Protein backbone atom coordinates (compact mmCIF):
# COMPACT_ATOMS: atom_id res chain seq x y z
CA MET A 1 12.89 -12.77 -125.85
CA ILE A 2 10.49 -12.50 -122.89
CA ALA A 3 7.62 -13.83 -125.00
CA LEU A 4 9.75 -16.82 -126.06
CA ALA A 5 10.71 -17.56 -122.43
CA VAL A 6 7.07 -17.38 -121.34
CA GLU A 7 5.97 -19.55 -124.31
CA ALA A 8 8.64 -22.12 -123.34
CA GLY A 9 7.26 -22.22 -119.82
CA LEU A 10 10.42 -20.84 -118.17
CA PHE A 11 8.71 -17.69 -116.76
CA SER A 12 5.12 -17.22 -115.76
CA GLY A 13 5.01 -13.77 -114.19
CA TYR A 14 3.38 -12.89 -110.96
CA ASP A 15 -0.05 -13.72 -109.57
CA ASP A 16 -1.30 -10.22 -110.54
CA GLY A 17 -0.57 -10.94 -114.25
CA TYR A 18 2.45 -8.69 -114.50
CA PHE A 19 5.91 -9.78 -115.57
CA ARG A 20 8.11 -6.96 -114.08
CA PRO A 21 11.16 -7.32 -116.34
CA ASN A 22 13.13 -4.62 -114.57
CA GLN A 23 12.76 -6.14 -111.09
CA PRO A 24 15.77 -8.15 -109.81
CA ILE A 25 15.34 -11.88 -109.72
CA THR A 26 15.63 -13.72 -106.43
CA ARG A 27 17.56 -16.94 -105.78
CA ALA A 28 14.19 -18.73 -105.31
CA GLU A 29 12.92 -17.54 -108.65
CA ILE A 30 16.14 -18.50 -110.38
CA ALA A 31 15.85 -22.01 -108.94
CA VAL A 32 12.33 -22.39 -110.45
CA VAL A 33 13.52 -21.13 -113.84
CA ILE A 34 16.48 -23.47 -113.94
CA VAL A 35 14.30 -26.49 -112.99
CA ARG A 36 11.88 -25.60 -115.76
CA ALA A 37 14.74 -25.23 -118.25
CA LEU A 38 16.06 -28.66 -117.26
CA GLY A 39 12.58 -30.21 -117.34
CA LEU A 40 13.02 -31.68 -113.88
CA ASP A 41 10.06 -33.02 -111.94
CA THR A 42 9.87 -31.45 -108.50
CA ASP A 43 7.77 -32.18 -105.44
CA THR A 44 5.68 -29.05 -104.90
CA ASP A 45 3.60 -30.16 -101.92
CA SER A 46 3.80 -28.20 -98.73
CA ASP A 47 5.79 -31.00 -96.99
CA THR A 48 8.84 -30.53 -99.15
CA VAL A 49 11.92 -29.82 -97.00
CA THR A 50 15.20 -28.64 -98.44
CA GLY A 51 18.61 -29.33 -97.01
CA PHE A 52 19.18 -25.70 -96.19
CA ALA A 53 19.30 -24.26 -92.67
CA ASP A 54 16.88 -21.49 -93.63
CA ASP A 55 14.29 -23.87 -95.15
CA SER A 56 11.45 -22.10 -93.41
CA GLU A 57 12.29 -18.94 -95.35
CA ILE A 58 12.07 -20.58 -98.74
CA PRO A 59 8.67 -20.04 -100.32
CA THR A 60 6.54 -23.21 -100.72
CA TRP A 61 6.29 -22.66 -104.48
CA ALA A 62 10.10 -22.82 -104.79
CA LYS A 63 11.04 -25.59 -102.30
CA GLY A 64 10.80 -28.49 -104.75
CA ALA A 65 12.97 -26.66 -107.26
CA VAL A 66 15.52 -25.63 -104.64
CA GLU A 67 15.84 -29.10 -103.27
CA ALA A 68 16.04 -30.73 -106.73
CA LEU A 69 18.90 -28.37 -107.67
CA ARG A 70 20.65 -28.82 -104.32
CA VAL A 71 20.61 -32.60 -104.75
CA LYS A 72 22.00 -32.27 -108.34
CA GLY A 73 24.75 -29.90 -107.11
CA VAL A 74 23.56 -26.99 -109.18
CA LEU A 75 22.68 -24.76 -106.21
CA GLU A 76 24.78 -24.37 -103.12
CA GLY A 77 24.10 -22.46 -99.97
CA ARG A 78 25.93 -19.49 -98.78
CA GLY A 79 27.58 -19.49 -95.34
CA ASP A 80 26.13 -21.69 -92.61
CA SER A 81 24.11 -23.73 -95.18
CA MET A 82 21.77 -20.84 -95.78
CA PHE A 83 20.02 -20.56 -99.14
CA VAL A 84 18.84 -16.97 -98.68
CA PRO A 85 15.90 -17.20 -101.08
CA ASP A 86 14.91 -13.52 -101.25
CA VAL A 87 18.45 -12.24 -102.00
CA THR A 88 18.84 -11.07 -105.58
CA ASP A 89 21.81 -12.79 -107.22
CA ALA A 90 24.92 -11.00 -108.20
CA ARG A 91 25.89 -11.30 -111.84
CA ALA A 92 28.82 -13.59 -110.93
CA GLU A 93 26.47 -16.01 -109.15
CA ALA A 94 24.10 -16.01 -112.08
CA VAL A 95 26.95 -16.83 -114.49
CA VAL A 96 28.02 -19.77 -112.28
CA LEU A 97 24.50 -21.13 -112.20
CA LEU A 98 24.17 -20.83 -115.95
CA LEU A 99 27.48 -22.63 -116.48
CA ARG A 100 26.31 -25.45 -114.18
CA LEU A 101 23.06 -25.59 -116.08
CA LEU A 102 24.90 -25.90 -119.43
CA GLU A 103 27.06 -28.69 -118.00
CA ILE A 104 23.98 -30.65 -116.88
CA MET A 105 22.22 -30.11 -120.22
CA GLU A 106 25.30 -31.54 -122.08
CA GLU A 107 25.25 -34.74 -120.01
C-alpha cells in the first residue's frame, strides 16, 4: 500500500529519504496529501498566506495546500481560527477529512 501511495505521488517521505510509517501524521502533512489526492494546484511560494490565526506556524511547504483546502471548506481551524499544523490528528478528525475528500471527489 505504501509503495502505491508513493507511486501515485500522495506521499514522498522526508528529506532524509525515510518514510517513517509508524510516525503520527500532522495536520500540515494531511493537508498536503489531500491536495495531492484531489490534484489541486497550490501556490507554494513563500508569500502564501493562509486564513488561519497561526499562519506563521504553518510550514512553508504546506501553506499552499492548507489555504487551498481552507478555501474549499475541507479543512477548518480549531478554536480561535488556529490551524495547529504540528498536532497529530485524532482518528475522528481524519475520518471527517476523508469524508469531505470523498464528497469533493464525487462532485
